[in-house]
Amino acid sequence: MNALRVAAEHVLAKVREGKKLGTEDIFILYLGTIVNELKDVRSEVARLEDKIDKTNQRIDETNKRIDETNRRIDEVVKSLSARVDDLAKRIDETNKRIDALQTTLLEIQKLLIELVRNRQQ
């Protein structure tokens, strides 16, 4: 890089003096331009890589928050499932008690009908 800079300065001195430039001189100026553009491109790439790294960090942080939220949702679902199971058991027990009461009421009804028939005779 230093050699190219020195060569470019030599060519620029020729330009200042008004001397005619040869093919090699023009090539050196062209190379100098390309090197400067490459420096700009490299700095832009480095800036973009830094931006990508920061974006990836934010994505990682967001993913961690999503994972934590999903874990909490799973806990709530598990808790609610347990409550639903408990309620289903309680409903089943209540239904059994209602069935038993209906059976008892039917037996009482039959007995009452039988008592009424017996009195009528």
PDB file of N, CA and C in Angstrom:
ATOM      1  N   MET A   1       0.817  -1.184   0.000  1.00  0.00           N
ATOM      2  CA  MET A   1       0.000   0.000   0.000  1.00  0.00           C
ATOM      3  C   MET A   1       0.866   1.255   0.000  1.00  0.00           C
ATOM      4  N   ASN A   2       1.924   1.232   0.807  1.00  0.00           N
ATOM      5  CA  ASN A   2       2.802   2.405   0.838  1.00  0.00           C
ATOM      6  C   ASN A   2       3.470   2.626  -0.509  1.00  0.00           C
ATOM      7  N   ALA A   3       3.852   1.535  -1.172  1.00  0.00           N
ATOM      8  CA  ALA A   3       4.504   1.653  -2.480  1.00  0.00           C
ATOM      9  C   ALA A   3       3.548   2.282  -3.486  1.00  0.00           C
ATOM     10  N   LEU A   4       2.289   1.889  -3.422  1.00  0.00           N
ATOM     11  CA  LEU A   4       1.297   2.450  -4.337  1.00  0.00           C
ATOM     12  C   LEU A   4       1.089   3.935  -4.050  1.00  0.00           C
ATOM     13  N   ARG A   5       1.067   4.294  -2.772  1.00  0.00           N
ATOM     14  CA  ARG A   5       0.892   5.701  -2.408  1.00  0.00           C
ATOM     15  C   ARG A   5       2.060   6.539  -2.916  1.00  0.00           C
ATOM     16  N   VAL A   6       3.274   6.033  -2.715  1.00  0.00           N
ATOM     17  CA  VAL A   6       4.470   6.748  -3.180  1.00  0.00           C
ATOM     18  C   VAL A   6       4.433   6.901  -4.703  1.00  0.00           C
ATOM     19  N   ALA A   7       4.032   5.813  -5.400  1.00  0.00           N
ATOM     20  CA  ALA A   7       3.962   5.857  -6.862  1.00  0.00           C
ATOM     21  C   ALA A   7       2.901   6.847  -7.314  1.00  0.00           C
ATOM     22  N   ALA A   8       1.757   6.878  -6.630  1.00  0.00           N
ATOM     23  CA  ALA A   8       0.688   7.807  -6.989  1.00  0.00           C
ATOM     24  C   ALA A   8       1.134   9.245  -6.755  1.00  0.00           C
ATOM     25  N   GLU A   9       1.860   9.487  -5.662  1.00  0.00           N
ATOM     26  CA  GLU A   9       2.367  10.838  -5.399  1.00  0.00           C
ATOM     27  C   GLU A   9       3.355  11.271  -6.488  1.00  0.00           C
ATOM     28  N   HIS A  10       4.158  10.327  -6.946  1.00  0.00           N
ATOM     29  CA  HIS A  10       5.109  10.617  -8.026  1.00  0.00           C
ATOM     30  C   HIS A  10       4.359  11.005  -9.313  1.00  0.00           C
ATOM     31  N   VAL A  11       3.270  10.257  -9.613  1.00  0.00           N
ATOM     32  CA  VAL A  11       2.471  10.551 -10.807  1.00  0.00           C
ATOM     33  C   VAL A  11       1.794  11.909 -10.651  1.00  0.00           C
ATOM     34  N   LEU A  12       1.280  12.200  -9.448  1.00  0.00           N
ATOM     35  CA  LEU A  12       0.637  13.496  -9.216  1.00  0.00           C
ATOM     36  C   LEU A  12       1.634  14.641  -9.377  1.00  0.00           C
ATOM     37  N   ALA A  13       2.872  14.409  -8.994  1.00  0.00           N
ATOM     38  CA  ALA A  13       3.911  15.431  -9.178  1.00  0.00           C
ATOM     39  C   ALA A  13       4.109  15.687 -10.676  1.00  0.00           C
ATOM     40  N   LYS A  14       4.077  14.624 -11.489  1.00  0.00           N
ATOM     41  CA  LYS A  14       4.186  14.774 -12.938  1.00  0.00           C
ATOM     42  C   LYS A  14       3.031  15.616 -13.483  1.00  0.00           C
ATOM     43  N   VAL A  15       1.815  15.352 -12.937  1.00  0.00           N
ATOM     44  CA  VAL A  15       0.634  16.089 -13.387  1.00  0.00           C
ATOM     45  C   VAL A  15       0.799  17.565 -13.052  1.00  0.00           C
ATOM     46  N   ARG A  16       1.287  17.875 -11.855  1.00  0.00           N
ATOM     47  CA  ARG A  16       1.479  19.264 -11.434  1.00  0.00           C
ATOM     48  C   ARG A  16       2.506  19.974 -12.324  1.00  0.00           C
ATOM     49  N   GLU A  17       3.480  19.221 -12.732  1.00  0.00           N
ATOM     50  CA  GLU A  17       4.534  19.791 -13.580  1.00  0.00           C
ATOM     51  C   GLU A  17       4.086  19.884 -15.037  1.00  0.00           C
ATOM     52  N   GLY A  18       2.918  19.289 -15.330  1.00  0.00           N
ATOM     53  CA  GLY A  18       2.399  19.353 -16.693  1.00  0.00           C
ATOM     54  C   GLY A  18       3.022  18.344 -17.623  1.00  0.00           C
ATOM     55  N   LYS A  19       3.680  17.334 -17.078  1.00  0.00           N
ATOM     56  CA  LYS A  19       4.319  16.314 -17.915  1.00  0.00           C
ATOM     57  C   LYS A  19       3.280  15.343 -18.448  1.00  0.00           C
ATOM     58  N   LYS A  20       3.621  14.725 -19.544  1.00  0.00           N
ATOM     59  CA  LYS A  20       2.755  13.730 -20.157  1.00  0.00           C
ATOM     60  C   LYS A  20       2.808  12.442 -19.344  1.00  0.00           C
ATOM     61  N   LEU A  21       1.609  11.837 -19.138  1.00  0.00           N
ATOM     62  CA  LEU A  21       1.529  10.594 -18.364  1.00  0.00           C
ATOM     63  C   LEU A  21       1.576   9.404 -19.297  1.00  0.00           C
ATOM     64  N   GLY A  22       2.320   8.402 -18.859  1.00  0.00           N
ATOM     65  CA  GLY A  22       2.392   7.161 -19.623  1.00  0.00           C
ATOM     66  C   GLY A  22       1.304   6.205 -19.157  1.00  0.00           C
ATOM     67  N   THR A  23       1.236   5.071 -19.858  1.00  0.00           N
ATOM     68  CA  THR A  23       0.239   4.046 -19.523  1.00  0.00           C
ATOM     69  C   THR A  23       0.413   3.572 -18.084  1.00  0.00           C
ATOM     70  N   GLU A  24       1.661   3.390 -17.667  1.00  0.00           N
ATOM     71  CA  GLU A  24       1.928   2.937 -16.291  1.00  0.00           C
ATOM     72  C   GLU A  24       1.448   3.982 -15.281  1.00  0.00           C
ATOM     73  N   ASP A  25       1.646   5.254 -15.610  1.00  0.00           N
ATOM     74  CA  ASP A  25       1.216   6.323 -14.699  1.00  0.00           C
ATOM     75  C   ASP A  25      -0.305   6.316 -14.540  1.00  0.00           C
ATOM     76  N   ILE A  26      -0.992   6.191 -15.663  1.00  0.00           N
ATOM     77  CA  ILE A  26      -2.466   6.155 -15.611  1.00  0.00           C
ATOM     78  C   ILE A  26      -2.926   4.913 -14.838  1.00  0.00           C
ATOM     79  N   PHE A  27      -2.258   3.805 -15.063  1.00  0.00           N
ATOM     80  CA  PHE A  27      -2.598   2.568 -14.354  1.00  0.00           C
ATOM     81  C   PHE A  27      -2.414   2.748 -12.844  1.00  0.00           C
ATOM     82  N   ILE A  28      -1.331   3.408 -12.438  1.00  0.00           N
ATOM     83  CA  ILE A  28      -1.077   3.650 -11.003  1.00  0.00           C
ATOM     84  C   ILE A  28      -2.184   4.524 -10.418  1.00  0.00           C
ATOM     85  N   LEU A  29      -2.589   5.572 -11.126  1.00  0.00           N
ATOM     86  CA  LEU A  29      -3.684   6.421 -10.641  1.00  0.00           C
ATOM     87  C   LEU A  29      -4.980   5.613 -10.524  1.00  0.00           C
ATOM     88  N   TYR A  30      -5.224   4.771 -11.531  1.00  0.00           N
ATOM     89  CA  TYR A  30      -6.412   3.926 -11.516  1.00  0.00           C
ATOM     90  C   TYR A  30      -6.377   2.966 -10.321  1.00  0.00           C
ATOM     91  N   LEU A  31      -5.190   2.356 -10.098  1.00  0.00           N
ATOM     92  CA  LEU A  31      -5.047   1.457  -8.935  1.00  0.00           C
ATOM     93  C   LEU A  31      -5.273   2.213  -7.633  1.00  0.00           C
ATOM     94  N   GLY A  32      -4.753   3.430  -7.561  1.00  0.00           N
ATOM     95  CA  GLY A  32      -4.967   4.248  -6.363  1.00  0.00           C
ATOM     96  C   GLY A  32      -6.440   4.504  -6.110  1.00  0.00           C
ATOM     97  N   THR A  33      -7.167   4.773  -7.173  1.00  0.00           N
ATOM     98  CA  THR A  33      -8.619   4.989  -7.060  1.00  0.00           C
ATOM     99  C   THR A  33      -9.315   3.721  -6.577  1.00  0.00           C
ATOM    100  N   ILE A  34      -8.926   2.600  -7.164  1.00  0.00           N
ATOM    101  CA  ILE A  34      -9.535   1.319  -6.773  1.00  0.00           C
ATOM    102  C   ILE A  34      -9.237   1.014  -5.306  1.00  0.00           C
ATOM    103  N   VAL A  35      -7.993   1.257  -4.883  1.00  0.00           N
ATOM    104  CA  VAL A  35      -7.619   0.983  -3.485  1.00  0.00           C
ATOM    105  C   VAL A  35      -8.442   1.850  -2.550  1.00  0.00           C
ATOM    106  N   ASN A  36      -8.624   3.115  -2.901  1.00  0.00           N
ATOM    107  CA  ASN A  36      -9.447   3.992  -2.054  1.00  0.00           C
ATOM    108  C   ASN A  36     -10.888   3.507  -1.989  1.00  0.00           C
ATOM    109  N   GLU A  37     -11.414   3.094  -3.131  1.00  0.00           N
ATOM    110  CA  GLU A  37     -12.777   2.573  -3.149  1.00  0.00           C
ATOM    111  C   GLU A  37     -12.874   1.296  -2.321  1.00  0.00           C
ATOM    112  N   LEU A  38     -11.841   0.451  -2.399  1.00  0.00           N
ATOM    113  CA  LEU A  38     -11.840  -0.782  -1.595  1.00  0.00           C
ATOM    114  C   LEU A  38     -11.825  -0.463  -0.106  1.00  0.00           C
ATOM    115  N   LYS A  39     -11.071   0.572   0.269  1.00  0.00           N
ATOM    116  CA  LYS A  39     -11.064   0.985   1.678  1.00  0.00           C
ATOM    117  C   LYS A  39     -12.471   1.387   2.108  1.00  0.00           C
ATOM    118  N   ASP A  40     -13.141   2.166   1.243  1.00  0.00           N
ATOM    119  CA  ASP A  40     -14.510   2.584   1.546  1.00  0.00           C
ATOM    120  C   ASP A  40     -15.441   1.379   1.648  1.00  0.00           C
ATOM    121  N   VAL A  41     -15.272   0.461   0.697  1.00  0.00           N
ATOM    122  CA  VAL A  41     -16.116  -0.746   0.706  1.00  0.00           C
ATOM    123  C   VAL A  41     -15.851  -1.562   1.966  1.00  0.00           C
ATOM    124  N   ARG A  42     -14.582  -1.707   2.321  1.00  0.00           N
ATOM    125  CA  ARG A  42     -14.236  -2.479   3.527  1.00  0.00           C
ATOM    126  C   ARG A  42     -14.818  -1.834   4.779  1.00  0.00           C
ATOM    127  N   SER A  43     -14.739  -0.509   4.860  1.00  0.00           N
ATOM    128  CA  SER A  43     -15.292   0.153   6.042  1.00  0.00           C
ATOM    129  C   SER A  43     -16.815   0.011   6.064  1.00  0.00           C
ATOM    130  N   GLU A  44     -17.441   0.054   4.892  1.00  0.00           N
ATOM    131  CA  GLU A  44     -18.890  -0.130   4.818  1.00  0.00           C
ATOM    132  C   GLU A  44     -19.265  -1.557   5.210  1.00  0.00           C
ATOM    133  N   VAL A  45     -18.480  -2.521   4.728  1.00  0.00           N
ATOM    134  CA  VAL A  45     -18.730  -3.928   5.094  1.00  0.00           C
ATOM    135  C   VAL A  45     -18.570  -4.111   6.600  1.00  0.00           C
ATOM    136  N   ALA A  46     -17.528  -3.502   7.163  1.00  0.00           N
ATOM    137  CA  ALA A  46     -17.314  -3.607   8.612  1.00  0.00           C
ATOM    138  C   ALA A  46     -18.485  -2.983   9.371  1.00  0.00           C
ATOM    139  N   ARG A  47     -18.975  -1.834   8.874  1.00  0.00           N
ATOM    140  CA  ARG A  47     -20.115  -1.176   9.524  1.00  0.00           C
ATOM    141  C   ARG A  47     -21.359  -2.053   9.438  1.00  0.00           C
ATOM    142  N   LEU A  48     -21.577  -2.658   8.260  1.00  0.00           N
ATOM    143  CA  LEU A  48     -22.733  -3.538   8.084  1.00  0.00           C
ATOM    144  C   LEU A  48     -22.618  -4.800   8.938  1.00  0.00           C
ATOM    145  N   GLU A  49     -21.411  -5.348   9.033  1.00  0.00           N
ATOM    146  CA  GLU A  49     -21.209  -6.527   9.888  1.00  0.00           C
ATOM    147  C   GLU A  49     -21.515  -6.188  11.337  1.00  0.00           C
ATOM    148  N   ASP A  50     -21.083  -5.009  11.773  1.00  0.00           N
ATOM    149  CA  ASP A  50     -21.382  -4.570  13.141  1.00  0.00           C
ATOM    150  C   ASP A  50     -22.890  -4.435  13.335  1.00  0.00           C
ATOM    151  N   LYS A  51     -23.547  -3.855  12.337  1.00  0.00           N
ATOM    152  CA  LYS A  51     -24.997  -3.694  12.412  1.00  0.00           C
ATOM    153  C   LYS A  51     -25.685  -5.055  12.458  1.00  0.00           C
ATOM    154  N   ILE A  52     -25.192  -5.996  11.637  1.00  0.00           N
ATOM    155  CA  ILE A  52     -25.757  -7.353  11.628  1.00  0.00           C
ATOM    156  C   ILE A  52     -25.547  -8.019  12.986  1.00  0.00           C
ATOM    157  N   ASP A  53     -24.346  -7.862  13.562  1.00  0.00           N
ATOM    158  CA  ASP A  53     -24.077  -8.439  14.881  1.00  0.00           C
ATOM    159  C   ASP A  53     -25.036  -7.884  15.925  1.00  0.00           C
ATOM    160  N   LYS A  54     -25.253  -6.577  15.882  1.00  0.00           N
ATOM    161  CA  LYS A  54     -26.176  -5.964  16.848  1.00  0.00           C
ATOM    162  C   LYS A  54     -27.601  -6.448  16.623  1.00  0.00           C
ATOM    163  N   THR A  55     -27.980  -6.581  15.364  1.00  0.00           N
ATOM    164  CA  THR A  55     -29.313  -7.096  15.058  1.00  0.00           C
ATOM    165  C   THR A  55     -29.454  -8.535  15.538  1.00  0.00           C
ATOM    166  N   ASN A  56     -28.431  -9.336  15.318  1.00  0.00           N
ATOM    167  CA  ASN A  56     -28.458 -10.727  15.793  1.00  0.00           C
ATOM    168  C   ASN A  56     -28.563 -10.791  17.309  1.00  0.00           C
ATOM    169  N   GLN A  57     -27.872  -9.878  18.000  1.00  0.00           N
ATOM    170  CA  GLN A  57     -27.974  -9.835  19.463  1.00  0.00           C
ATOM    171  C   GLN A  57     -29.404  -9.513  19.884  1.00  0.00           C
ATOM    172  N   ARG A  58     -30.014  -8.549  19.195  1.00  0.00           N
ATOM    173  CA  ARG A  58     -31.401  -8.204  19.535  1.00  0.00           C
ATOM    174  C   ARG A  58     -32.331  -9.375  19.245  1.00  0.00           C
ATOM    175  N   ILE A  59     -32.074 -10.074  18.141  1.00  0.00           N
ATOM    176  CA  ILE A  59     -32.892 -11.254  17.816  1.00  0.00           C
ATOM    177  C   ILE A  59     -32.723 -12.316  18.901  1.00  0.00           C
ATOM    178  N   ASP A  60     -31.474 -12.541  19.335  1.00  0.00           N
ATOM    179  CA  ASP A  60     -31.228 -13.523  20.398  1.00  0.00           C
ATOM    180  C   ASP A  60     -31.952 -13.135  21.679  1.00  0.00           C
ATOM    181  N   GLU A  61     -31.904 -11.841  22.035  1.00  0.00           N
ATOM    182  CA  GLU A  61     -32.597 -11.380  23.234  1.00  0.00           C
ATOM    183  C   GLU A  61     -34.103 -11.563  23.088  1.00  0.00           C
ATOM    184  N   THR A  62     -34.620 -11.258  21.910  1.00  0.00           N
ATOM    185  CA  THR A  62     -36.050 -11.433  21.661  1.00  0.00           C
ATOM    186  C   THR A  62     -36.426 -12.903  21.747  1.00  0.00           C
ATOM    187  N   ASN A  63     -35.593 -13.768  21.176  1.00  0.00           N
ATOM    188  CA  ASN A  63     -35.860 -15.211  21.253  1.00  0.00           C
ATOM    189  C   ASN A  63     -35.861 -15.695  22.696  1.00  0.00           C
ATOM    190  N   LYS A  64     -34.956 -15.152  23.518  1.00  0.00           N
ATOM    191  CA  LYS A  64     -34.938 -15.538  24.939  1.00  0.00           C
ATOM    192  C   LYS A  64     -36.238 -15.117  25.615  1.00  0.00           C
ATOM    193  N   ARG A  65     -36.700 -13.896  25.288  1.00  0.00           N
ATOM    194  CA  ARG A  65     -37.954 -13.426  25.895  1.00  0.00           C
ATOM    195  C   ARG A  65     -39.126 -14.277  25.413  1.00  0.00           C
ATOM    196  N   ILE A  66     -39.109 -14.646  24.130  1.00  0.00           N
ATOM    197  CA  ILE A  66     -40.167 -15.511  23.595  1.00  0.00           C
ATOM    198  C   ILE A  66     -40.136 -16.867  24.289  1.00  0.00           C
ATOM    199  N   ASP A  67     -38.934 -17.429  24.469  1.00  0.00           N
ATOM    200  CA  ASP A  67     -38.809 -18.721  25.154  1.00  0.00           C
ATOM    201  C   ASP A  67     -39.349 -18.634  26.580  1.00  0.00           C
ATOM    202  N   GLU A  68     -39.033 -17.547  27.264  1.00  0.00           N
ATOM    203  CA  GLU A  68     -39.519 -17.362  28.638  1.00  0.00           C
ATOM    204  C   GLU A  68     -41.042 -17.233  28.638  1.00  0.00           C
ATOM    205  N   THR A  69     -41.574 -16.481  27.692  1.00  0.00           N
ATOM    206  CA  THR A  69     -43.027 -16.335  27.599  1.00  0.00           C
ATOM    207  C   THR A  69     -43.680 -17.681  27.305  1.00  0.00           C
ATOM    208  N   ASN A  70     -43.101 -18.444  26.390  1.00  0.00           N
ATOM    209  CA  ASN A  70     -43.638 -19.781  26.086  1.00  0.00           C
ATOM    210  C   ASN A  70     -43.593 -20.691  27.298  1.00  0.00           C
ATOM    211  N   ARG A  71     -42.511 -20.591  28.080  1.00  0.00           N
ATOM    212  CA  ARG A  71     -42.409 -21.409  29.290  1.00  0.00           C
ATOM    213  C   ARG A  71     -43.525 -21.040  30.268  1.00  0.00           C
ATOM    214  N   ARG A  72     -43.756 -19.739  30.414  1.00  0.00           N
ATOM    215  CA  ARG A  72     -44.812 -19.293  31.329  1.00  0.00           C
ATOM    216  C   ARG A  72     -46.184 -19.716  30.825  1.00  0.00           C
ATOM    217  N   ILE A  73     -46.391 -19.644  29.506  1.00  0.00           N
ATOM    218  CA  ILE A  73     -47.658 -20.096  28.923  1.00  0.00           C
ATOM    219  C   ILE A  73     -47.847 -21.583  29.185  1.00  0.00           C
ATOM    220  N   ASP A  74     -46.782 -22.366  29.010  1.00  0.00           N
ATOM    221  CA  ASP A  74     -46.859 -23.809  29.272  1.00  0.00           C
ATOM    222  C   ASP A  74     -47.243 -24.084  30.722  1.00  0.00           C
ATOM    223  N   GLU A  75     -46.671 -23.305  31.647  1.00  0.00           N
ATOM    224  CA  GLU A  75     -47.015 -23.473  33.064  1.00  0.00           C
ATOM    225  C   GLU A  75     -48.483 -23.156  33.312  1.00  0.00           C
ATOM    226  N   VAL A  76     -48.975 -22.071  32.693  1.00  0.00           N
ATOM    227  CA  VAL A  76     -50.383 -21.703  32.855  1.00  0.00           C
ATOM    228  C   VAL A  76     -51.278 -22.778  32.269  1.00  0.00           C
ATOM    229  N   VAL A  77     -50.927 -23.279  31.090  1.00  0.00           N
ATOM    230  CA  VAL A  77     -51.721 -24.343  30.453  1.00  0.00           C
ATOM    231  C   VAL A  77     -51.743 -25.580  31.339  1.00  0.00           C
ATOM    232  N   LYS A  78     -50.594 -25.920  31.894  1.00  0.00           N
ATOM    233  CA  LYS A  78     -50.516 -27.100  32.780  1.00  0.00           C
ATOM    234  C   LYS A  78     -51.397 -26.897  34.010  1.00  0.00           C
ATOM    235  N   SER A  79     -51.323 -25.708  34.588  1.00  0.00           N
ATOM    236  CA  SER A  79     -52.134 -25.402  35.764  1.00  0.00           C
ATOM    237  C   SER A  79     -53.623 -25.434  35.431  1.00  0.00           C
ATOM    238  N   LEU A  80     -53.991 -24.821  34.300  1.00  0.00           N
ATOM    239  CA  LEU A  80     -55.397 -24.821  33.905  1.00  0.00           C
ATOM    240  C   LEU A  80     -55.884 -26.225  33.577  1.00  0.00           C
ATOM    241  N   SER A  81     -55.026 -27.023  32.956  1.00  0.00           N
ATOM    242  CA  SER A  81     -55.408 -28.410  32.641  1.00  0.00           C
ATOM    243  C   SER A  81     -55.693 -29.192  33.919  1.00  0.00           C
ATOM    244  N   ALA A  82     -54.852 -28.973  34.922  1.00  0.00           N
ATOM    245  CA  ALA A  82     -55.062 -29.649  36.200  1.00  0.00           C
ATOM    246  C   ALA A  82     -56.391 -29.208  36.818  1.00  0.00           C
ATOM    247  N   ARG A  83     -56.683 -27.912  36.723  1.00  0.00           N
ATOM    248  CA  ARG A  83     -57.955 -27.413  37.269  1.00  0.00           C
ATOM    249  C   ARG A  83     -59.140 -27.961  36.499  1.00  0.00           C
ATOM    250  N   VAL A  84     -59.016 -28.027  35.175  1.00  0.00           N
ATOM    251  CA  VAL A  84     -60.103 -28.572  34.351  1.00  0.00           C
ATOM    252  C   VAL A  84     -60.325 -30.039  34.696  1.00  0.00           C
ATOM    253  N   ASP A  85     -59.238 -30.796  34.868  1.00  0.00           N
ATOM    254  CA  ASP A  85     -59.362 -32.208  35.253  1.00  0.00           C
ATOM    255  C   ASP A  85     -60.068 -32.332  36.597  1.00  0.00           C
ATOM    256  N   ASP A  86     -59.690 -31.475  37.538  1.00  0.00           N
ATOM    257  CA  ASP A  86     -60.310 -31.494  38.864  1.00  0.00           C
ATOM    258  C   ASP A  86     -61.799 -31.160  38.764  1.00  0.00           C
ATOM    259  N   LEU A  87     -62.119 -30.136  37.973  1.00  0.00           N
ATOM    260  CA  LEU A  87     -63.529 -29.767  37.802  1.00  0.00           C
ATOM    261  C   LEU A  87     -64.308 -30.892  37.131  1.00  0.00           C
ATOM    262  N   ALA A  88     -63.706 -31.563  36.164  1.00  0.00           N
ATOM    263  CA  ALA A  88     -64.380 -32.673  35.491  1.00  0.00           C
ATOM    264  C   ALA A  88     -64.681 -33.791  36.489  1.00  0.00           C
ATOM    265  N   LYS A  89     -63.740 -34.074  37.358  1.00  0.00           N
ATOM    266  CA  LYS A  89     -63.961 -35.103  38.390  1.00  0.00           C
ATOM    267  C   LYS A  89     -65.098 -34.689  39.324  1.00  0.00           C
ATOM    268  N   ARG A  90     -65.085 -33.415  39.712  1.00  0.00           N
ATOM    269  CA  ARG A  90     -66.131 -32.935  40.616  1.00  0.00           C
ATOM    270  C   ARG A  90     -67.497 -32.978  39.929  1.00  0.00           C
ATOM    271  N   ILE A  91     -67.534 -32.638  38.640  1.00  0.00           N
ATOM    272  CA  ILE A  91     -68.791 -32.695  37.891  1.00  0.00           C
ATOM    273  C   ILE A  91     -69.271 -34.141  37.804  1.00  0.00           C
ATOM    274  N   ASP A  92     -68.335 -35.073  37.533  1.00  0.00           N
ATOM    275  CA  ASP A  92     -68.706 -36.495  37.476  1.00  0.00           C
ATOM    276  C   ASP A  92     -69.278 -36.961  38.811  1.00  0.00           C
ATOM    277  N   GLU A  93     -68.643 -36.554  39.915  1.00  0.00           N
ATOM    278  CA  GLU A  93     -69.134 -36.931  41.242  1.00  0.00           C
ATOM    279  C   GLU A  93     -70.520 -36.339  41.496  1.00  0.00           C
ATOM    280  N   THR A  94     -70.709 -35.090  41.086  1.00  0.00           N
ATOM    281  CA  THR A  94     -72.017 -34.442  41.258  1.00  0.00           C
ATOM    282  C   THR A  94     -73.072 -35.160  40.417  1.00  0.00           C
ATOM    283  N   ASN A  95     -72.712 -35.519  39.186  1.00  0.00           N
ATOM    284  CA  ASN A  95     -73.654 -36.259  38.337  1.00  0.00           C
ATOM    285  C   ASN A  95     -74.035 -37.595  38.961  1.00  0.00           C
ATOM    286  N   LYS A  96     -73.072 -38.276  39.559  1.00  0.00           N
ATOM    287  CA  LYS A  96     -73.362 -39.553  40.226  1.00  0.00           C
ATOM    288  C   LYS A  96     -74.325 -39.335  41.388  1.00  0.00           C
ATOM    289  N   ARG A  97     -74.098 -38.275  42.134  1.00  0.00           N
ATOM    290  CA  ARG A  97     -74.991 -37.977  43.270  1.00  0.00           C
ATOM    291  C   ARG A  97     -76.391 -37.637  42.769  1.00  0.00           C
ATOM    292  N   ILE A  98     -76.476 -36.883  41.662  1.00  0.00           N
ATOM    293  CA  ILE A  98     -77.788 -36.542  41.094  1.00  0.00           C
ATOM    294  C   ILE A  98     -78.485 -37.814  40.615  1.00  0.00           C
ATOM    295  N   ASP A  99     -77.712 -38.699  39.956  1.00  0.00           N
ATOM    296  CA  ASP A  99     -78.296 -39.971  39.503  1.00  0.00           C
ATOM    297  C   ASP A  99     -78.823 -40.773  40.685  1.00  0.00           C
ATOM    298  N   ALA A 100     -78.061 -40.796  41.768  1.00  0.00           N
ATOM    299  CA  ALA A 100     -78.491 -41.535  42.961  1.00  0.00           C
ATOM    300  C   ALA A 100     -79.757 -40.901  43.538  1.00  0.00           C
ATOM    301  N   LEU A 101     -79.810 -39.574  43.557  1.00  0.00           N
ATOM    302  CA  LEU A 101     -81.002 -38.889  44.067  1.00  0.00           C
ATOM    303  C   LEU A 101     -82.216 -39.176  43.178  1.00  0.00           C
ATOM    304  N   GLN A 102     -82.001 -39.183  41.867  1.00  0.00           N
ATOM    305  CA  GLN A 102     -83.108 -39.491  40.951  1.00  0.00           C
ATOM    306  C   GLN A 102     -83.615 -40.911  41.175  1.00  0.00           C
ATOM    307  N   THR A 103     -82.684 -41.825  41.371  1.00  0.00           N
ATOM    308  CA  THR A 103     -83.077 -43.206  41.647  1.00  0.00           C
ATOM    309  C   THR A 103     -83.894 -43.267  42.934  1.00  0.00           C
ATOM    310  N   THR A 104     -83.423 -42.562  43.943  1.00  0.00           N
ATOM    311  CA  THR A 104     -84.141 -42.534  45.231  1.00  0.00           C
ATOM    312  C   THR A 104     -85.520 -41.906  45.061  1.00  0.00           C
ATOM    313  N   LEU A 105     -85.598 -40.803  44.310  1.00  0.00           N
ATOM    314  CA  LEU A 105     -86.887 -40.145  44.085  1.00  0.00           C
ATOM    315  C   LEU A 105     -87.847 -41.055  43.336  1.00  0.00           C
ATOM    316  N   LEU A 106     -87.326 -41.805  42.347  1.00  0.00           N
ATOM    317  CA  LEU A 106     -88.175 -42.752  41.618  1.00  0.00           C
ATOM    318  C   LEU A 106     -88.707 -43.836  42.550  1.00  0.00           C
ATOM    319  N   GLU A 107     -87.851 -44.323  43.437  1.00  0.00           N
ATOM    320  CA  GLU A 107     -88.280 -45.345  44.396  1.00  0.00           C
ATOM    321  C   GLU A 107     -89.343 -44.785  45.325  1.00  0.00           C
ATOM    322  N   ILE A 108     -89.131 -43.524  45.769  1.00  0.00           N
ATOM    323  CA  ILE A 108     -90.128 -42.884  46.654  1.00  0.00           C
ATOM    324  C   ILE A 108     -91.450 -42.718  45.891  1.00  0.00           C
ATOM    325  N   GLN A 109     -91.367 -42.300  44.628  1.00  0.00           N
ATOM    326  CA  GLN A 109     -92.570 -42.134  43.809  1.00  0.00           C
ATOM    327  C   GLN A 109     -93.312 -43.444  43.672  1.00  0.00           C
ATOM    328  N   LYS A 110     -92.573 -44.531  43.425  1.00  0.00           N
ATOM    329  CA  LYS A 110     -93.199 -45.847  43.304  1.00  0.00           C
ATOM    330  C   LYS A 110     -93.885 -46.242  44.610  1.00  0.00           C
ATOM    331  N   LEU A 111     -93.193 -45.981  45.708  1.00  0.00           N
ATOM    332  CA  LEU A 111     -93.781 -46.304  47.011  1.00  0.00           C
ATOM    333  C   LEU A 111     -95.052 -45.494  47.261  1.00  0.00           C
ATOM    334  N   LEU A 112     -95.022 -44.204  46.903  1.00  0.00           N
ATOM    335  CA  LEU A 112     -96.197 -43.359  47.089  1.00  0.00           C
ATOM    336  C   LEU A 112     -97.365 -43.850  46.236  1.00  0.00           C
ATOM    337  N   ILE A 113     -97.060 -44.224  44.991  1.00  0.00           N
ATOM    338  CA  ILE A 113     -98.109 -44.745  44.114  1.00  0.00           C
ATOM    339  C   ILE A 113     -98.677 -46.025  44.695  1.00  0.00           C
ATOM    340  N   GLU A 114     -97.829 -46.862  45.212  1.00  0.00           N
ATOM    341  CA  GLU A 114     -98.267 -48.115  45.814  1.00  0.00           C
ATOM    342  C   GLU A 114     -99.104 -47.853  47.064  1.00  0.00           C
ATOM    343  N   LEU A 115     -98.705 -46.878  47.866  1.00  0.00           N
ATOM    344  CA  LEU A 115     -99.475 -46.511  49.070  1.00  0.00           C
ATOM    345  C   LEU A 115    -100.854 -45.982  48.691  1.00  0.00           C
ATOM    346  N   VAL A 116    -100.886 -45.154  47.655  1.00  0.00           N
ATOM    347  CA  VAL A 116    -102.167 -44.589  47.217  1.00  0.00           C
ATOM    348  C   VAL A 116    -103.065 -45.712  46.711  1.00  0.00           C
ATOM    349  N   ARG A 117    -102.545 -46.646  45.976  1.00  0.00           N
ATOM    350  CA  ARG A 117    -103.314 -47.776  45.448  1.00  0.00           C
ATOM    351  C   ARG A 117    -103.835 -48.639  46.593  1.00  0.00           C
ATOM    352  N   ASN A 118    -102.954 -48.863  47.563  1.00  0.00           N
ATOM    353  CA  ASN A 118    -103.341 -49.697  48.708  1.00  0.00           C
ATOM    354  C   ASN A 118    -104.462 -49.012  49.517  1.00  0.00           C
ATOM    355  N   ARG A 119    -104.453 -47.722  49.617  1.00  0.00           N
ATOM    356  CA  ARG A 119    -105.480 -46.997  50.370  1.00  0.00           C
ATOM    357  C   ARG A 119    -106.809 -47.013  49.613  1.00  0.00           C
ATOM    358  N   GLN A 120    -106.692 -46.987  48.303  1.00  0.00           N
ATOM    359  CA  GLN A 120    -107.904 -46.953  47.492  1.00  0.00           C
ATOM    360  C   GLN A 120    -108.607 -48.316  47.494  1.00  0.00           C
ATOM    361  N   GLN A 121    -107.933 -49.321  47.834  1.00  0.00           N
ATOM    362  CA  GLN A 121    -108.548 -50.659  47.822  1.00  0.00           C
ATOM    363  C   GLN A 121    -109.209 -50.938  49.103  1.00  0.00           C
TER     364      GLN A 121
END
